[in-house]
Amino acid sequence: MSWLYLLVAIIAEVAATSALKASQGFTNPAPSAVVALGYGTAFYFLSLSLDSIPLGVAYAVWAGAGIVLIALAGLIVYGQKLDGFALLGIGFILVGVLVIHLLSDMAA
């Protein structure tokens, strides 16, 4: 169940971060509410996931997945292009998360 909580935390954080641009410095109420609700939800579910996932592993997966998904959201929603080095860096992040999750004894 902890991994499901972590997934919910990741999705909520990505939604909140994606809404930051649309909030226009918290002057636009609807996206600002998404930011506040999203971050609150993200931290709540992240805290629940820590019952059985080590802090370092949970944060690495959360941050890594968030970076990748935010880059994709920027590309899809805001048309922000990713160059080759950005894609390479994102690839390294994905590999790092996979190594921690699949190979590290910490993740067990």
PDB file of N, CA and C in Angstrom:
ATOM      1  N   MET A   1       0.823  -1.197   0.000  1.00  0.00           N
ATOM      2  CA  MET A   1       0.000   0.000   0.000  1.00  0.00           C
ATOM      3  C   MET A   1       0.871   1.267   0.000  1.00  0.00           C
ATOM      4  N   SER A   2       2.052   1.164   0.592  1.00  0.00           N
ATOM      5  CA  SER A   2       2.935   2.331   0.672  1.00  0.00           C
ATOM      6  C   SER A   2       3.348   2.840  -0.702  1.00  0.00           C
ATOM      7  N   TRP A   3       3.544   1.923  -1.641  1.00  0.00           N
ATOM      8  CA  TRP A   3       3.933   2.351  -2.991  1.00  0.00           C
ATOM      9  C   TRP A   3       2.765   3.056  -3.680  1.00  0.00           C
ATOM     10  N   LEU A   4       1.548   2.642  -3.384  1.00  0.00           N
ATOM     11  CA  LEU A   4       0.375   3.337  -3.922  1.00  0.00           C
ATOM     12  C   LEU A   4       0.289   4.748  -3.336  1.00  0.00           C
ATOM     13  N   TYR A   5       0.547   4.876  -2.032  1.00  0.00           N
ATOM     14  CA  TYR A   5       0.572   6.207  -1.411  1.00  0.00           C
ATOM     15  C   TYR A   5       1.636   7.094  -2.067  1.00  0.00           C
ATOM     16  N   LEU A   6       2.788   6.505  -2.350  1.00  0.00           N
ATOM     17  CA  LEU A   6       3.851   7.276  -2.987  1.00  0.00           C
ATOM     18  C   LEU A   6       3.431   7.706  -4.389  1.00  0.00           C
ATOM     19  N   LEU A   7       2.765   6.842  -5.116  1.00  0.00           N
ATOM     20  CA  LEU A   7       2.270   7.192  -6.449  1.00  0.00           C
ATOM     21  C   LEU A   7       1.276   8.352  -6.374  1.00  0.00           C
ATOM     22  N   VAL A   8       0.368   8.318  -5.414  1.00  0.00           N
ATOM     23  CA  VAL A   8      -0.593   9.416  -5.235  1.00  0.00           C
ATOM     24  C   VAL A   8       0.161  10.709  -4.905  1.00  0.00           C
ATOM     25  N   ALA A   9       1.183  10.612  -4.053  1.00  0.00           N
ATOM     26  CA  ALA A   9       1.984  11.789  -3.698  1.00  0.00           C
ATOM     27  C   ALA A   9       2.661  12.375  -4.932  1.00  0.00           C
ATOM     28  N   ILE A  10       3.197  11.526  -5.778  1.00  0.00           N
ATOM     29  CA  ILE A  10       3.870  11.975  -7.002  1.00  0.00           C
ATOM     30  C   ILE A  10       2.880  12.673  -7.926  1.00  0.00           C
ATOM     31  N   ILE A  11       1.737  12.074  -8.140  1.00  0.00           N
ATOM     32  CA  ILE A  11       0.732  12.647  -9.039  1.00  0.00           C
ATOM     33  C   ILE A  11       0.251  13.999  -8.495  1.00  0.00           C
ATOM     34  N   ALA A  12       0.013  14.075  -7.188  1.00  0.00           N
ATOM     35  CA  ALA A  12      -0.446  15.333  -6.591  1.00  0.00           C
ATOM     36  C   ALA A  12       0.622  16.415  -6.706  1.00  0.00           C
ATOM     37  N   GLU A  13       1.884  16.050  -6.493  1.00  0.00           N
ATOM     38  CA  GLU A  13       2.969  17.021  -6.584  1.00  0.00           C
ATOM     39  C   GLU A  13       3.137  17.522  -8.007  1.00  0.00           C
ATOM     40  N   VAL A  14       3.021  16.634  -8.974  1.00  0.00           N
ATOM     41  CA  VAL A  14       3.143  17.031 -10.382  1.00  0.00           C
ATOM     42  C   VAL A  14       1.985  17.949 -10.777  1.00  0.00           C
ATOM     43  N   ALA A  15       0.790  17.642 -10.323  1.00  0.00           N
ATOM     44  CA  ALA A  15      -0.360  18.511 -10.610  1.00  0.00           C
ATOM     45  C   ALA A  15      -0.147  19.895 -10.002  1.00  0.00           C
ATOM     46  N   ALA A  16       0.320  19.932  -8.756  1.00  0.00           N
ATOM     47  CA  ALA A  16       0.537  21.213  -8.080  1.00  0.00           C
ATOM     48  C   ALA A  16       1.627  22.021  -8.766  1.00  0.00           C
ATOM     49  N   THR A  17       2.729  21.380  -9.088  1.00  0.00           N
ATOM     50  CA  THR A  17       3.836  22.082  -9.737  1.00  0.00           C
ATOM     51  C   THR A  17       3.433  22.566 -11.123  1.00  0.00           C
ATOM     52  N   SER A  18       2.677  21.766 -11.834  1.00  0.00           N
ATOM     53  CA  SER A  18       2.202  22.167 -13.164  1.00  0.00           C
ATOM     54  C   SER A  18       1.284  23.386 -13.085  1.00  0.00           C
ATOM     55  N   ALA A  19       0.531  23.491 -12.011  1.00  0.00           N
ATOM     56  CA  ALA A  19      -0.397  24.616 -11.847  1.00  0.00           C
ATOM     57  C   ALA A  19       0.301  25.899 -11.399  1.00  0.00           C
ATOM     58  N   LEU A  20       1.548  25.798 -10.937  1.00  0.00           N
ATOM     59  CA  LEU A  20       2.252  26.994 -10.471  1.00  0.00           C
ATOM     60  C   LEU A  20       2.344  28.066 -11.548  1.00  0.00           C
ATOM     61  N   LYS A  21       2.678  27.666 -12.768  1.00  0.00           N
ATOM     62  CA  LYS A  21       2.800  28.645 -13.849  1.00  0.00           C
ATOM     63  C   LYS A  21       1.460  29.336 -14.115  1.00  0.00           C
ATOM     64  N   ALA A  22       0.399  28.533 -14.143  1.00  0.00           N
ATOM     65  CA  ALA A  22      -0.935  29.092 -14.410  1.00  0.00           C
ATOM     66  C   ALA A  22      -1.452  29.952 -13.251  1.00  0.00           C
ATOM     67  N   SER A  23      -0.895  29.757 -12.055  1.00  0.00           N
ATOM     68  CA  SER A  23      -1.354  30.553 -10.908  1.00  0.00           C
ATOM     69  C   SER A  23      -0.923  32.008 -11.008  1.00  0.00           C
ATOM     70  N   GLN A  24       0.030  32.297 -11.879  1.00  0.00           N
ATOM     71  CA  GLN A  24       0.523  33.661 -12.121  1.00  0.00           C
ATOM     72  C   GLN A  24       0.869  34.365 -10.804  1.00  0.00           C
ATOM     73  N   GLY A  25       1.773  33.722 -10.058  1.00  0.00           N
ATOM     74  CA  GLY A  25       2.184  34.311  -8.782  1.00  0.00           C
ATOM     75  C   GLY A  25       1.083  34.319  -7.747  1.00  0.00           C
ATOM     76  N   PHE A  26       0.223  33.337  -7.787  1.00  0.00           N
ATOM     77  CA  PHE A  26      -0.917  33.189  -6.878  1.00  0.00           C
ATOM     78  C   PHE A  26      -1.934  34.318  -7.020  1.00  0.00           C
ATOM     79  N   THR A  27      -2.014  34.904  -8.210  1.00  0.00           N
ATOM     80  CA  THR A  27      -3.033  35.916  -8.469  1.00  0.00           C
ATOM     81  C   THR A  27      -4.252  35.324  -9.168  1.00  0.00           C
ATOM     82  N   ASN A  28      -4.124  34.119  -9.696  1.00  0.00           N
ATOM     83  CA  ASN A  28      -5.220  33.427 -10.369  1.00  0.00           C
ATOM     84  C   ASN A  28      -5.761  32.375  -9.385  1.00  0.00           C
ATOM     85  N   PRO A  29      -6.979  32.556  -8.869  1.00  0.00           N
ATOM     86  CA  PRO A  29      -7.461  31.729  -7.761  1.00  0.00           C
ATOM     87  C   PRO A  29      -7.559  30.227  -8.037  1.00  0.00           C
ATOM     88  N   ALA A  30      -8.092  29.827  -9.171  1.00  0.00           N
ATOM     89  CA  ALA A  30      -8.306  28.389  -9.402  1.00  0.00           C
ATOM     90  C   ALA A  30      -6.983  27.615  -9.448  1.00  0.00           C
ATOM     91  N   PRO A  31      -6.028  28.029 -10.272  1.00  0.00           N
ATOM     92  CA  PRO A  31      -4.745  27.299 -10.249  1.00  0.00           C
ATOM     93  C   PRO A  31      -4.027  27.410  -8.904  1.00  0.00           C
ATOM     94  N   SER A  32      -4.202  28.520  -8.212  1.00  0.00           N
ATOM     95  CA  SER A  32      -3.591  28.675  -6.887  1.00  0.00           C
ATOM     96  C   SER A  32      -4.162  27.654  -5.906  1.00  0.00           C
ATOM     97  N   ALA A  33      -5.458  27.403  -6.011  1.00  0.00           N
ATOM     98  CA  ALA A  33      -6.088  26.382  -5.158  1.00  0.00           C
ATOM     99  C   ALA A  33      -5.558  24.993  -5.500  1.00  0.00           C
ATOM    100  N   VAL A  34      -5.336  24.731  -6.794  1.00  0.00           N
ATOM    101  CA  VAL A  34      -4.765  23.442  -7.209  1.00  0.00           C
ATOM    102  C   VAL A  34      -3.366  23.275  -6.608  1.00  0.00           C
ATOM    103  N   VAL A  35      -2.585  24.343  -6.601  1.00  0.00           N
ATOM    104  CA  VAL A  35      -1.238  24.303  -6.020  1.00  0.00           C
ATOM    105  C   VAL A  35      -1.313  23.952  -4.537  1.00  0.00           C
ATOM    106  N   ALA A  36      -2.127  24.675  -3.796  1.00  0.00           N
ATOM    107  CA  ALA A  36      -2.221  24.449  -2.352  1.00  0.00           C
ATOM    108  C   ALA A  36      -2.750  23.050  -2.027  1.00  0.00           C
ATOM    109  N   LEU A  37      -3.818  22.662  -2.694  1.00  0.00           N
ATOM    110  CA  LEU A  37      -4.396  21.337  -2.457  1.00  0.00           C
ATOM    111  C   LEU A  37      -3.437  20.234  -2.897  1.00  0.00           C
ATOM    112  N   GLY A  38      -2.799  20.443  -4.034  1.00  0.00           N
ATOM    113  CA  GLY A  38      -1.880  19.430  -4.563  1.00  0.00           C
ATOM    114  C   GLY A  38      -0.688  19.193  -3.657  1.00  0.00           C
ATOM    115  N   TYR A  39      -0.055  20.279  -3.185  1.00  0.00           N
ATOM    116  CA  TYR A  39       1.096  20.107  -2.301  1.00  0.00           C
ATOM    117  C   TYR A  39       0.694  19.518  -0.956  1.00  0.00           C
ATOM    118  N   GLY A  40      -0.455  19.947  -0.431  1.00  0.00           N
ATOM    119  CA  GLY A  40      -0.934  19.363   0.824  1.00  0.00           C
ATOM    120  C   GLY A  40      -1.173  17.866   0.685  1.00  0.00           C
ATOM    121  N   THR A  41      -1.826  17.490  -0.403  1.00  0.00           N
ATOM    122  CA  THR A  41      -2.088  16.068  -0.677  1.00  0.00           C
ATOM    123  C   THR A  41      -0.786  15.312  -0.864  1.00  0.00           C
ATOM    124  N   ALA A  42       0.148  15.905  -1.599  1.00  0.00           N
ATOM    125  CA  ALA A  42       1.426  15.242  -1.880  1.00  0.00           C
ATOM    126  C   ALA A  42       2.181  14.943  -0.586  1.00  0.00           C
ATOM    127  N   PHE A  43       2.293  15.928   0.282  1.00  0.00           N
ATOM    128  CA  PHE A  43       3.043  15.707   1.515  1.00  0.00           C
ATOM    129  C   PHE A  43       2.320  14.753   2.457  1.00  0.00           C
ATOM    130  N   TYR A  44       1.011  14.796   2.471  1.00  0.00           N
ATOM    131  CA  TYR A  44       0.261  13.856   3.306  1.00  0.00           C
ATOM    132  C   TYR A  44       0.515  12.412   2.860  1.00  0.00           C
ATOM    133  N   PHE A  45       0.367  12.154   1.554  1.00  0.00           N
ATOM    134  CA  PHE A  45       0.556  10.791   1.073  1.00  0.00           C
ATOM    135  C   PHE A  45       2.023  10.367   1.103  1.00  0.00           C
ATOM    136  N   LEU A  46       2.936  11.312   0.929  1.00  0.00           N
ATOM    137  CA  LEU A  46       4.351  10.979   1.091  1.00  0.00           C
ATOM    138  C   LEU A  46       4.602  10.526   2.525  1.00  0.00           C
ATOM    139  N   SER A  47       4.018  11.211   3.482  1.00  0.00           N
ATOM    140  CA  SER A  47       4.210  10.823   4.885  1.00  0.00           C
ATOM    141  C   SER A  47       3.637   9.431   5.157  1.00  0.00           C
ATOM    142  N   LEU A  48       2.512   9.106   4.534  1.00  0.00           N
ATOM    143  CA  LEU A  48       1.939   7.765   4.709  1.00  0.00           C
ATOM    144  C   LEU A  48       2.836   6.685   4.120  1.00  0.00           C
ATOM    145  N   SER A  49       3.470   7.001   3.000  1.00  0.00           N
ATOM    146  CA  SER A  49       4.324   6.011   2.349  1.00  0.00           C
ATOM    147  C   SER A  49       5.557   5.680   3.180  1.00  0.00           C
ATOM    148  N   LEU A  50       5.927   6.579   4.078  1.00  0.00           N
ATOM    149  CA  LEU A  50       7.148   6.389   4.865  1.00  0.00           C
ATOM    150  C   LEU A  50       6.988   5.361   5.979  1.00  0.00           C
ATOM    151  N   ASP A  51       5.783   4.813   6.150  1.00  0.00           N
ATOM    152  CA  ASP A  51       5.603   3.747   7.133  1.00  0.00           C
ATOM    153  C   ASP A  51       6.422   2.518   6.787  1.00  0.00           C
ATOM    154  N   SER A  52       6.606   2.246   5.486  1.00  0.00           N
ATOM    155  CA  SER A  52       7.370   1.052   5.128  1.00  0.00           C
ATOM    156  C   SER A  52       8.420   1.286   4.035  1.00  0.00           C
ATOM    157  N   ILE A  53       8.457   2.466   3.446  1.00  0.00           N
ATOM    158  CA  ILE A  53       9.485   2.776   2.461  1.00  0.00           C
ATOM    159  C   ILE A  53      10.509   3.679   3.141  1.00  0.00           C
ATOM    160  N   PRO A  54      11.804   3.329   3.074  1.00  0.00           N
ATOM    161  CA  PRO A  54      12.810   4.198   3.686  1.00  0.00           C
ATOM    162  C   PRO A  54      12.758   5.614   3.102  1.00  0.00           C
ATOM    163  N   LEU A  55      13.019   6.601   3.935  1.00  0.00           N
ATOM    164  CA  LEU A  55      12.930   7.996   3.543  1.00  0.00           C
ATOM    165  C   LEU A  55      13.751   8.299   2.292  1.00  0.00           C
ATOM    166  N   GLY A  56      14.993   7.859   2.249  1.00  0.00           N
ATOM    167  CA  GLY A  56      15.851   8.141   1.104  1.00  0.00           C
ATOM    168  C   GLY A  56      15.319   7.551  -0.186  1.00  0.00           C
ATOM    169  N   VAL A  57      14.783   6.356  -0.111  1.00  0.00           N
ATOM    170  CA  VAL A  57      14.227   5.692  -1.291  1.00  0.00           C
ATOM    171  C   VAL A  57      12.957   6.410  -1.737  1.00  0.00           C
ATOM    172  N   ALA A  58      12.066   6.696  -0.801  1.00  0.00           N
ATOM    173  CA  ALA A  58      10.811   7.367  -1.148  1.00  0.00           C
ATOM    174  C   ALA A  58      11.085   8.724  -1.786  1.00  0.00           C
ATOM    175  N   TYR A  59      12.008   9.478  -1.192  1.00  0.00           N
ATOM    176  CA  TYR A  59      12.280  10.813  -1.721  1.00  0.00           C
ATOM    177  C   TYR A  59      12.958  10.744  -3.078  1.00  0.00           C
ATOM    178  N   ALA A  60      13.857   9.788  -3.261  1.00  0.00           N
ATOM    179  CA  ALA A  60      14.523   9.643  -4.560  1.00  0.00           C
ATOM    180  C   ALA A  60      13.516   9.299  -5.652  1.00  0.00           C
ATOM    181  N   VAL A  61      12.613   8.375  -5.363  1.00  0.00           N
ATOM    182  CA  VAL A  61      11.595   7.993  -6.349  1.00  0.00           C
ATOM    183  C   VAL A  61      10.653   9.159  -6.600  1.00  0.00           C
ATOM    184  N   TRP A  62      10.219   9.831  -5.537  1.00  0.00           N
ATOM    185  CA  TRP A  62       9.299  10.958  -5.650  1.00  0.00           C
ATOM    186  C   TRP A  62       9.929  12.086  -6.462  1.00  0.00           C
ATOM    187  N   ALA A  63      11.132  12.455  -6.113  1.00  0.00           N
ATOM    188  CA  ALA A  63      11.798  13.562  -6.810  1.00  0.00           C
ATOM    189  C   ALA A  63      12.118  13.186  -8.253  1.00  0.00           C
ATOM    190  N   GLY A  64      12.648  11.995  -8.454  1.00  0.00           N
ATOM    191  CA  GLY A  64      13.005  11.573  -9.812  1.00  0.00           C
ATOM    192  C   GLY A  64      11.802  11.490 -10.730  1.00  0.00           C
ATOM    193  N   ALA A  65      10.753  10.854 -10.251  1.00  0.00           N
ATOM    194  CA  ALA A  65       9.535  10.749 -11.063  1.00  0.00           C
ATOM    195  C   ALA A  65       8.930  12.128 -11.300  1.00  0.00           C
ATOM    196  N   GLY A  66       8.978  12.971 -10.273  1.00  0.00           N
ATOM    197  CA  GLY A  66       8.439  14.331 -10.416  1.00  0.00           C
ATOM    198  C   GLY A  66       9.183  15.132 -11.468  1.00  0.00           C
ATOM    199  N   ILE A  67      10.508  15.043 -11.484  1.00  0.00           N
ATOM    200  CA  ILE A  67      11.306  15.761 -12.476  1.00  0.00           C
ATOM    201  C   ILE A  67      10.944  15.313 -13.886  1.00  0.00           C
ATOM    202  N   VAL A  68      10.865  14.024 -14.082  1.00  0.00           N
ATOM    203  CA  VAL A  68      10.541  13.492 -15.408  1.00  0.00           C
ATOM    204  C   VAL A  68       9.143  13.926 -15.838  1.00  0.00           C
ATOM    205  N   LEU A  69       8.171  13.776 -14.949  1.00  0.00           N
ATOM    206  CA  LEU A  69       6.786  14.115 -15.297  1.00  0.00           C
ATOM    207  C   LEU A  69       6.594  15.615 -15.496  1.00  0.00           C
ATOM    208  N   ILE A  70       7.290  16.440 -14.718  1.00  0.00           N
ATOM    209  CA  ILE A  70       7.188  17.889 -14.897  1.00  0.00           C
ATOM    210  C   ILE A  70       7.803  18.302 -16.228  1.00  0.00           C
ATOM    211  N   ALA A  71       8.912  17.665 -16.606  1.00  0.00           N
ATOM    212  CA  ALA A  71       9.509  17.961 -17.915  1.00  0.00           C
ATOM    213  C   ALA A  71       8.534  17.612 -19.038  1.00  0.00           C
ATOM    214  N   LEU A  72       7.853  16.482 -18.894  1.00  0.00           N
ATOM    215  CA  LEU A  72       6.852  16.094 -19.895  1.00  0.00           C
ATOM    216  C   LEU A  72       5.661  17.052 -19.894  1.00  0.00           C
ATOM    217  N   ALA A  73       5.222  17.460 -18.710  1.00  0.00           N
ATOM    218  CA  ALA A  73       4.107  18.417 -18.622  1.00  0.00           C
ATOM    219  C   ALA A  73       4.498  19.741 -19.260  1.00  0.00           C
ATOM    220  N   GLY A  74       5.717  20.193 -19.017  1.00  0.00           N
ATOM    221  CA  GLY A  74       6.190  21.428 -19.640  1.00  0.00           C
ATOM    222  C   GLY A  74       6.194  21.328 -21.150  1.00  0.00           C
ATOM    223  N   LEU A  75       6.583  20.172 -21.653  1.00  0.00           N
ATOM    224  CA  LEU A  75       6.595  19.944 -23.101  1.00  0.00           C
ATOM    225  C   LEU A  75       5.181  19.926 -23.673  1.00  0.00           C
ATOM    226  N   ILE A  76       4.300  19.172 -23.033  1.00  0.00           N
ATOM    227  CA  ILE A  76       2.946  18.974 -23.561  1.00  0.00           C
ATOM    228  C   ILE A  76       2.050  20.193 -23.332  1.00  0.00           C
ATOM    229  N   VAL A  77       2.050  20.723 -22.109  1.00  0.00           N
ATOM    230  CA  VAL A  77       1.119  21.793 -21.753  1.00  0.00           C
ATOM    231  C   VAL A  77       1.634  23.160 -22.186  1.00  0.00           C
ATOM    232  N   TYR A  78       2.934  23.398 -21.996  1.00  0.00           N
ATOM    233  CA  TYR A  78       3.480  24.733 -22.231  1.00  0.00           C
ATOM    234  C   TYR A  78       4.390  24.822 -23.454  1.00  0.00           C
ATOM    235  N   GLY A  79       4.564  23.710 -24.168  1.00  0.00           N
ATOM    236  CA  GLY A  79       5.386  23.716 -25.376  1.00  0.00           C
ATOM    237  C   GLY A  79       6.859  23.966 -25.124  1.00  0.00           C
ATOM    238  N   GLN A  80       7.332  23.689 -23.919  1.00  0.00           N
ATOM    239  CA  GLN A  80       8.737  23.889 -23.587  1.00  0.00           C
ATOM    240  C   GLN A  80       9.559  22.726 -24.133  1.00  0.00           C
ATOM    241  N   LYS A  81      10.498  23.033 -25.002  1.00  0.00           N
ATOM    242  CA  LYS A  81      11.290  22.005 -25.687  1.00  0.00           C
ATOM    243  C   LYS A  81      12.402  21.481 -24.783  1.00  0.00           C
ATOM    244  N   LEU A  82      12.720  20.220 -24.955  1.00  0.00           N
ATOM    245  CA  LEU A  82      13.818  19.577 -24.254  1.00  0.00           C
ATOM    246  C   LEU A  82      14.921  19.284 -25.267  1.00  0.00           C
ATOM    247  N   ASP A  83      16.136  19.763 -24.997  1.00  0.00           N
ATOM    248  CA  ASP A  83      17.235  19.461 -25.916  1.00  0.00           C
ATOM    249  C   ASP A  83      17.851  18.109 -25.562  1.00  0.00           C
ATOM    250  N   GLY A  84      18.857  17.721 -26.310  1.00  0.00           N
ATOM    251  CA  GLY A  84      19.473  16.410 -26.117  1.00  0.00           C
ATOM    252  C   GLY A  84      20.060  16.225 -24.729  1.00  0.00           C
ATOM    253  N   PHE A  85      20.714  17.271 -24.207  1.00  0.00           N
ATOM    254  CA  PHE A  85      21.290  17.149 -22.870  1.00  0.00           C
ATOM    255  C   PHE A  85      20.209  17.032 -21.800  1.00  0.00           C
ATOM    256  N   ALA A  86      19.106  17.728 -21.971  1.00  0.00           N
ATOM    257  CA  ALA A  86      17.998  17.599 -21.017  1.00  0.00           C
ATOM    258  C   ALA A  86      17.445  16.175 -21.043  1.00  0.00           C
ATOM    259  N   LEU A  87      17.286  15.628 -22.227  1.00  0.00           N
ATOM    260  CA  LEU A  87      16.796  14.248 -22.343  1.00  0.00           C
ATOM    261  C   LEU A  87      17.790  13.258 -21.745  1.00  0.00           C
ATOM    262  N   LEU A  88      19.085  13.500 -21.957  1.00  0.00           N
ATOM    263  CA  LEU A  88      20.116  12.640 -21.380  1.00  0.00           C
ATOM    264  C   LEU A  88      20.047  12.691 -19.851  1.00  0.00           C
ATOM    265  N   GLY A  89      19.926  13.891 -19.302  1.00  0.00           N
ATOM    266  CA  GLY A  89      19.819  14.038 -17.854  1.00  0.00           C
ATOM    267  C   GLY A  89      18.597  13.350 -17.293  1.00  0.00           C
ATOM    268  N   ILE A  90      17.474  13.486 -17.979  1.00  0.00           N
ATOM    269  CA  ILE A  90      16.252  12.804 -17.546  1.00  0.00           C
ATOM    270  C   ILE A  90      16.437  11.290 -17.604  1.00  0.00           C
ATOM    271  N   GLY A  91      17.134  10.829 -18.632  1.00  0.00           N
ATOM    272  CA  GLY A  91      17.442   9.395 -18.732  1.00  0.00           C
ATOM    273  C   GLY A  91      18.267   8.920 -17.547  1.00  0.00           C
ATOM    274  N   PHE A  92      19.263   9.709 -17.140  1.00  0.00           N
ATOM    275  CA  PHE A  92      20.075   9.358 -15.971  1.00  0.00           C
ATOM    276  C   PHE A  92      19.224   9.308 -14.704  1.00  0.00           C
ATOM    277  N   ILE A  93      18.309  10.244 -14.574  1.00  0.00           N
ATOM    278  CA  ILE A  93      17.419  10.254 -13.410  1.00  0.00           C
ATOM    279  C   ILE A  93      16.576   8.982 -13.386  1.00  0.00           C
ATOM    280  N   LEU A  94      16.006   8.625 -14.521  1.00  0.00           N
ATOM    281  CA  LEU A  94      15.197   7.401 -14.594  1.00  0.00           C
ATOM    282  C   LEU A  94      16.018   6.169 -14.244  1.00  0.00           C
ATOM    283  N   VAL A  95      17.229   6.095 -14.776  1.00  0.00           N
ATOM    284  CA  VAL A  95      18.101   4.960 -14.462  1.00  0.00           C
ATOM    285  C   VAL A  95      18.401   4.926 -12.969  1.00  0.00           C
ATOM    286  N   GLY A  96      18.673   6.079 -12.373  1.00  0.00           N
ATOM    287  CA  GLY A  96      18.947   6.130 -10.944  1.00  0.00           C
ATOM    288  C   GLY A  96      17.780   5.651 -10.109  1.00  0.00           C
ATOM    289  N   VAL A  97      16.591   6.080 -10.452  1.00  0.00           N
ATOM    290  CA  VAL A  97      15.394   5.637  -9.721  1.00  0.00           C
ATOM    291  C   VAL A  97      15.206   4.132  -9.879  1.00  0.00           C
ATOM    292  N   LEU A  98      15.411   3.619 -11.077  1.00  0.00           N
ATOM    293  CA  LEU A  98      15.272   2.177 -11.306  1.00  0.00           C
ATOM    294  C   LEU A  98      16.316   1.383 -10.530  1.00  0.00           C
ATOM    295  N   VAL A  99      17.548   1.868 -10.498  1.00  0.00           N
ATOM    296  CA  VAL A  99      18.594   1.181  -9.743  1.00  0.00           C
ATOM    297  C   VAL A  99      18.219   1.118  -8.257  1.00  0.00           C
ATOM    298  N   ILE A 100      17.769   2.228  -7.710  1.00  0.00           N
ATOM    299  CA  ILE A 100      17.373   2.243  -6.295  1.00  0.00           C
ATOM    300  C   ILE A 100      16.213   1.285  -6.062  1.00  0.00           C
ATOM    301  N   HIS A 101      15.209   1.362  -6.913  1.00  0.00           N
ATOM    302  CA  HIS A 101      14.000   0.566  -6.705  1.00  0.00           C
ATOM    303  C   HIS A 101      14.229  -0.928  -6.955  1.00  0.00           C
ATOM    304  N   LEU A 102      14.971  -1.271  -7.978  1.00  0.00           N
ATOM    305  CA  LEU A 102      15.096  -2.671  -8.368  1.00  0.00           C
ATOM    306  C   LEU A 102      16.309  -3.382  -7.774  1.00  0.00           C
ATOM    307  N   LEU A 103      17.366  -2.667  -7.506  1.00  0.00           N
ATOM    308  CA  LEU A 103      18.611  -3.327  -7.112  1.00  0.00           C
ATOM    309  C   LEU A 103      19.060  -3.067  -5.680  1.00  0.00           C
ATOM    310  N   SER A 104      18.632  -1.971  -5.092  1.00  0.00           N
ATOM    311  CA  SER A 104      19.100  -1.627  -3.756  1.00  0.00           C
ATOM    312  C   SER A 104      18.370  -2.429  -2.690  1.00  0.00           C
ATOM    313  N   ASP A 105      19.115  -2.888  -1.701  1.00  0.00           N
ATOM    314  CA  ASP A 105      18.500  -3.563  -0.559  1.00  0.00           C
ATOM    315  C   ASP A 105      17.662  -2.600   0.274  1.00  0.00           C
ATOM    316  N   MET A 106      17.958  -1.307   0.166  1.00  0.00           N
ATOM    317  CA  MET A 106      17.202  -0.308   0.905  1.00  0.00           C
ATOM    318  C   MET A 106      15.730  -0.296   0.504  1.00  0.00           C
ATOM    319  N   ALA A 107      15.458  -0.561  -0.773  1.00  0.00           N
ATOM    320  CA  ALA A 107      14.094  -0.469  -1.278  1.00  0.00           C
ATOM    321  C   ALA A 107      13.225  -1.639  -0.841  1.00  0.00           C
ATOM    322  N   ALA A 108      13.849  -2.696  -0.349  1.00  0.00           N
ATOM    323  CA  ALA A 108      13.089  -3.899   0.038  1.00  0.00           C
ATOM    324  C   ALA A 108      12.292  -3.673   1.297  1.00  0.00           C
TER     325      ALA A 108
END
